[in-house]
Amino acid sequence: MKFNEKVQQTREYLLSRINQCPSIGLVLGSGLGILADEIENSITISYDEIPHFPVSTVTGHKGRIVIGDLKGKHVIAMQGRFHYYEGHSLEAVTYPIRVMKALGVKQIIVTNAAGGINPAFKPGDLMIIQDHINLTSQNPLIGPNEEEFGERFPDMSEAYSKKLSALTKEVAVKEKIKVVEGVYTGVLGPSYETPAEIKFLGIIGASAVGMSTVPEVIVARHCGLEVLGISCISNMAAGISEQSLTHDEVMETTEKIKAQFLQLVKEVIAEM
């Protein structure tokens, strides 16, 4: 079956379950899926019910789609994402972004938990992603171009919308929420980075590092979606932090910051 036919099958299934097409998509990272619980008049669909969808295996990712109303906008949220390190292909990792586009989504907010590299950061900071560095040595657009979605060589000079980033900063000031800005670096994982790797990332301009987001943003830009990226700095990276790095620490930090995260993203959605 052709890729576009798969996307259309998934689209038709989801349309059979919903009453209105969403305009905003949300990709919620580790510990951040709680935002989907705020969606009203919602329909929840497990990934394993959706044709051609993979299944998330990571703790902190519920593995379901929630569609409904949030701050006056109709949204579709992924409570948990897919990662290349889980053994999924990049086509599978980014498949939901294609489906969102097919459903009529025009803007997406991608979130993640990330390790802080900028020494001025501290765990619990919310970082607006200005740009990214792809150190995965992979690209989800490798292979035949899906012409129905976008051109062969998409421009990535504004991978993250300057307009949406500026809006987020304005909302943060109004709501008295501290935000920082920086460059997110995507790596493959699943092992955390060594101190030497973190030193290298700092030298090349990285502010934070994580194991997701970059493939989804590449595909989102390929198909013309406007992107806002927000990282929760869940820990300081190896060599900066004296502590051992664990996924439990990531979950603990996102739990502490959840109130500010929810407030910020909800108010941004209200203004989008």
Protein backbone atom coordinates (compact mmCIF):
# COMPACT_ATOMS: atom_id res chain seq x y z
CA MET A 1 0.00 0.00 0.00
CA LYS A 2 1.29 3.47 -0.89
CA PHE A 3 2.19 5.80 1.97
CA ASN A 4 -0.46 8.36 1.03
CA GLU A 5 -3.11 5.64 0.98
CA LYS A 6 -2.15 4.65 4.53
CA VAL A 7 -2.46 8.26 5.69
CA GLN A 8 -5.88 8.53 4.06
CA GLN A 9 -7.05 5.32 5.74
CA THR A 10 -5.97 6.65 9.11
CA ARG A 11 -7.61 9.98 8.37
CA GLU A 12 -10.90 8.35 7.40
CA TYR A 13 -10.89 6.26 10.58
CA LEU A 14 -10.33 9.30 12.79
CA LEU A 15 -12.96 11.32 10.92
CA SER A 16 -15.44 8.54 11.65
CA ARG A 17 -14.80 9.09 15.37
CA ILE A 18 -14.87 12.90 15.56
CA ASN A 19 -17.34 15.68 14.77
CA GLN A 20 -14.91 18.46 13.89
CA CYS A 21 -11.45 18.64 12.36
CA PRO A 22 -8.72 20.04 14.62
CA SER A 23 -6.63 23.06 13.67
CA ILE A 24 -3.87 22.72 16.29
CA GLY A 25 -1.79 19.63 17.01
CA LEU A 26 0.04 18.86 20.25
CA VAL A 27 2.90 16.39 20.65
CA LEU A 28 3.37 15.83 24.39
CA GLY A 29 6.67 14.45 25.65
CA SER A 30 7.75 12.54 28.75
CA GLY A 31 5.70 13.56 31.78
CA LEU A 32 3.91 16.31 29.84
CA GLY A 33 0.90 14.33 28.64
CA ILE A 34 -1.16 15.78 31.47
CA LEU A 35 -2.06 18.69 29.16
CA ALA A 36 -4.31 16.33 27.20
CA ASP A 37 -6.33 15.75 30.38
CA GLU A 38 -7.37 19.43 30.19
CA ILE A 39 -9.10 18.95 26.83
CA GLU A 40 -12.89 19.31 27.02
CA ASN A 41 -15.60 17.46 25.06
CA SER A 42 -12.85 15.00 24.30
CA ILE A 43 -12.66 11.74 22.39
CA THR A 44 -9.79 9.45 23.41
CA ILE A 45 -8.44 6.81 21.04
CA SER A 46 -5.65 4.38 21.91
CA TYR A 47 -2.86 4.13 19.38
CA ASP A 48 -3.46 0.41 18.98
CA GLU A 49 -6.98 1.16 17.69
CA ILE A 50 -5.77 3.46 14.91
CA PRO A 51 -4.90 1.95 11.52
CA HIS A 52 -1.16 2.09 10.71
CA PHE A 53 -0.23 3.74 14.03
CA PRO A 54 2.73 2.36 16.00
CA VAL A 55 2.54 1.98 19.79
CA SER A 56 4.59 3.93 22.34
CA THR A 57 6.62 1.88 24.83
CA VAL A 58 8.21 4.57 27.04
CA THR A 59 7.24 5.24 30.66
CA GLY A 60 5.39 8.56 30.91
CA HIS A 61 3.79 8.17 27.49
CA LYS A 62 0.17 6.98 27.74
CA GLY A 63 -0.06 6.05 24.08
CA ARG A 64 -3.31 7.62 22.93
CA ILE A 65 -4.76 10.49 20.95
CA VAL A 66 -7.12 12.99 22.57
CA ILE A 67 -9.25 15.23 20.34
CA GLY A 68 -11.47 18.02 21.64
CA ASP A 69 -11.60 21.64 22.78
CA LEU A 70 -8.91 23.58 24.61
CA LYS A 71 -9.15 27.32 25.31
CA GLY A 72 -11.63 27.81 22.49
CA LYS A 73 -9.61 25.88 19.88
CA HIS A 74 -10.20 22.40 18.48
CA VAL A 75 -7.05 20.38 19.06
CA ILE A 76 -5.58 16.93 18.60
CA ALA A 77 -3.05 15.82 21.21
CA MET A 78 -0.64 12.91 21.25
CA GLN A 79 -0.29 11.67 24.82
CA GLY A 80 3.07 10.12 24.15
CA ARG A 81 5.21 10.03 21.06
CA PHE A 82 7.29 7.46 19.21
CA HIS A 83 11.08 7.35 19.20
CA TYR A 84 13.59 5.93 16.76
CA TYR A 85 15.38 4.23 19.66
CA GLU A 86 12.28 2.13 20.35
CA GLY A 87 12.91 0.38 17.04
CA HIS A 88 10.37 2.35 15.02
CA SER A 89 11.28 3.60 11.57
CA LEU A 90 11.40 7.37 11.14
CA GLU A 91 8.38 7.00 8.87
CA ALA A 92 6.50 5.56 11.84
CA VAL A 93 7.91 8.13 14.28
CA THR A 94 6.63 11.00 12.14
CA TYR A 95 3.49 9.33 10.81
CA PRO A 96 1.15 11.17 13.23
CA ILE A 97 2.38 14.51 11.90
CA ARG A 98 1.33 13.50 8.38
CA VAL A 99 -2.05 12.44 9.74
CA MET A 100 -2.50 15.75 11.57
CA LYS A 101 -1.82 17.59 8.31
CA ALA A 102 -4.35 15.40 6.50
CA LEU A 103 -6.95 16.22 9.18
CA GLY A 104 -6.52 19.96 8.63
CA VAL A 105 -4.04 20.90 11.36
CA LYS A 106 -2.12 24.09 10.51
CA GLN A 107 -0.02 24.64 13.64
CA ILE A 108 1.64 22.23 16.04
CA ILE A 109 3.21 22.54 19.46
CA VAL A 110 5.94 19.98 20.10
CA THR A 111 7.10 19.46 23.67
CA ASN A 112 9.80 17.36 25.25
CA ALA A 113 11.85 16.78 28.36
CA ALA A 114 15.49 17.69 27.72
CA GLY A 115 18.83 17.79 29.46
CA GLY A 116 20.19 21.26 30.08
CA ILE A 117 23.57 22.17 28.61
CA ASN A 118 23.53 25.95 29.05
CA PRO A 119 24.99 26.41 32.56
CA ALA A 120 22.56 29.28 33.17
CA PHE A 121 19.65 26.83 33.00
CA LYS A 122 18.31 24.84 35.92
CA PRO A 123 15.96 21.84 36.17
CA GLY A 124 12.36 22.97 35.79
CA ASP A 125 13.08 25.76 33.30
CA LEU A 126 10.80 25.96 30.25
CA MET A 127 12.83 26.58 27.11
CA ILE A 128 11.34 28.00 23.93
CA ILE A 129 13.16 26.21 21.11
CA GLN A 130 14.69 28.77 18.74
CA ASP A 131 16.32 26.22 16.44
CA HIS A 132 17.66 22.69 16.45
CA ILE A 133 20.76 20.71 15.56
CA ASN A 134 20.14 17.27 14.09
CA LEU A 135 22.86 14.91 15.35
CA THR A 136 20.93 11.71 14.72
CA SER A 137 22.59 11.13 11.32
CA GLN A 138 19.06 10.37 10.15
CA ASN A 139 16.39 12.29 8.28
CA PRO A 140 12.74 11.23 7.96
CA LEU A 141 12.59 12.56 4.39
CA ILE A 142 15.15 10.08 3.05
CA GLY A 143 13.62 8.00 0.27
CA PRO A 144 11.05 8.90 -2.39
CA ASN A 145 9.55 12.32 -1.74
CA GLU A 146 5.88 12.36 -0.75
CA GLU A 147 4.86 15.05 -3.25
CA GLU A 148 1.34 15.24 -1.80
CA PHE A 149 2.82 16.72 1.37
CA GLY A 150 5.74 18.88 0.29
CA GLU A 151 8.66 19.57 -2.00
CA ARG A 152 11.86 17.53 -2.19
CA PHE A 153 14.11 20.06 -0.43
CA PRO A 154 12.16 21.89 2.28
CA ASP A 155 13.58 25.12 3.70
CA MET A 156 14.52 24.80 7.39
CA SER A 157 15.71 28.38 7.92
CA GLU A 158 12.71 28.96 10.22
CA ALA A 159 12.02 25.49 11.57
CA TYR A 160 10.39 27.03 14.65
CA SER A 161 7.98 29.87 14.03
CA LYS A 162 9.35 33.23 15.14
CA LYS A 163 5.79 34.49 15.41
CA LEU A 164 4.71 31.69 17.76
CA SER A 165 7.92 32.00 19.79
CA ALA A 166 7.31 35.74 20.23
CA LEU A 167 3.72 35.05 21.23
CA THR A 168 4.90 32.53 23.84
CA LYS A 169 7.31 35.06 25.34
CA GLU A 170 4.50 37.64 25.54
CA VAL A 171 2.22 35.14 27.27
CA ALA A 172 4.99 34.16 29.69
CA VAL A 173 5.49 37.79 30.71
CA LYS A 174 1.75 38.30 31.16
CA GLU A 175 1.35 35.11 33.20
CA LYS A 176 4.60 35.72 35.16
CA ILE A 177 6.13 32.44 34.02
CA LYS A 178 9.88 32.25 33.61
CA VAL A 179 10.98 31.03 30.18
CA VAL A 180 14.39 30.69 28.60
CA GLU A 181 15.34 30.31 24.95
CA GLY A 182 17.82 28.07 23.24
CA VAL A 183 18.88 25.54 20.64
CA TYR A 184 17.68 21.94 21.03
CA THR A 185 19.97 19.16 19.85
CA GLY A 186 18.42 15.86 18.83
CA VAL A 187 20.42 12.66 19.38
CA LEU A 188 19.46 9.02 18.89
CA GLY A 189 19.63 7.63 22.44
CA PRO A 190 18.55 5.66 24.35
CA SER A 191 21.75 6.03 26.42
CA TYR A 192 22.33 9.40 28.00
CA GLU A 193 25.29 11.38 26.68
CA THR A 194 28.81 11.23 28.10
CA PRO A 195 30.39 14.33 29.68
CA ALA A 196 32.68 14.63 26.65
CA GLU A 197 29.70 14.58 24.30
CA ILE A 198 27.95 17.28 26.34
CA LYS A 199 31.10 19.43 26.25
CA PHE A 200 31.14 19.03 22.46
CA LEU A 201 27.45 19.94 22.18
CA GLY A 202 28.01 23.08 24.20
CA ILE A 203 30.89 24.10 21.93
CA ILE A 204 28.73 23.77 18.79
CA GLY A 205 25.92 25.89 20.25
CA ALA A 206 23.48 23.48 21.90
CA SER A 207 21.46 24.70 24.87
CA ALA A 208 19.67 21.42 25.59
CA VAL A 209 19.69 17.83 24.35
CA GLY A 210 17.06 15.16 23.89
CA MET A 211 16.05 12.07 21.93
CA SER A 212 12.96 13.28 20.06
CA THR A 213 11.32 16.27 18.33
CA VAL A 214 13.76 16.83 15.45
CA PRO A 215 12.24 14.23 13.07
CA GLU A 216 8.72 15.47 13.80
CA VAL A 217 9.68 19.08 13.17
CA ILE A 218 11.39 18.24 9.88
CA VAL A 219 8.25 16.48 8.66
CA ALA A 220 6.01 19.25 9.99
CA ARG A 221 7.95 21.85 8.03
CA HIS A 222 8.00 19.61 4.96
CA CYS A 223 4.22 19.64 4.91
CA GLY A 224 3.87 23.33 5.73
CA LEU A 225 2.91 23.28 9.40
CA GLU A 226 3.85 26.17 11.67
CA VAL A 227 5.80 24.89 14.69
CA LEU A 228 6.23 25.98 18.29
CA GLY A 229 8.71 23.97 20.36
CA ILE A 230 8.95 23.93 24.16
CA SER A 231 11.43 21.89 26.20
CA CYS A 232 11.13 21.21 29.91
CA ILE A 233 14.69 21.19 31.25
CA SER A 234 14.29 18.07 33.35
CA ASN A 235 17.91 17.72 34.47
CA MET A 236 21.34 19.14 33.81
CA ALA A 237 23.29 16.99 31.37
CA ALA A 238 26.26 14.76 32.14
CA GLY A 239 29.38 16.60 33.30
CA ILE A 240 27.29 19.62 34.30
CA SER A 241 25.27 17.73 36.90
CA GLU A 242 27.08 15.81 39.65
CA GLN A 243 24.18 13.39 39.87
CA SER A 244 23.60 10.19 37.93
CA LEU A 245 20.98 10.62 35.19
CA THR A 246 17.76 8.60 35.36
CA HIS A 247 14.38 8.66 33.65
CA ASP A 248 12.78 8.84 37.10
CA GLU A 249 14.49 12.21 37.60
CA VAL A 250 12.98 13.39 34.32
CA MET A 251 9.50 12.38 35.47
CA GLU A 252 9.96 14.01 38.90
CA THR A 253 10.96 17.35 37.37
CA THR A 254 8.11 17.41 34.86
CA GLU A 255 5.71 16.68 37.73
CA LYS A 256 7.02 19.73 39.64
CA ILE A 257 6.76 22.07 36.65
CA LYS A 258 3.41 20.83 35.33
CA ALA A 259 1.31 23.73 36.67
CA GLN A 260 3.41 26.36 34.90
CA PHE A 261 3.68 24.23 31.77
CA LEU A 262 -0.09 23.79 31.61
CA GLN A 263 -0.73 27.48 32.19
CA LEU A 264 1.77 28.59 29.56
CA VAL A 265 0.67 26.26 26.79
CA LYS A 266 -3.04 26.76 27.41
CA GLU A 267 -2.74 30.55 27.28
CA VAL A 268 -0.61 30.34 24.13
CA ILE A 269 -3.28 28.17 22.50
CA ALA A 270 -5.92 30.72 23.46
CA GLU A 271 -3.95 33.38 21.54
CA MET A 272 -3.08 31.24 18.47
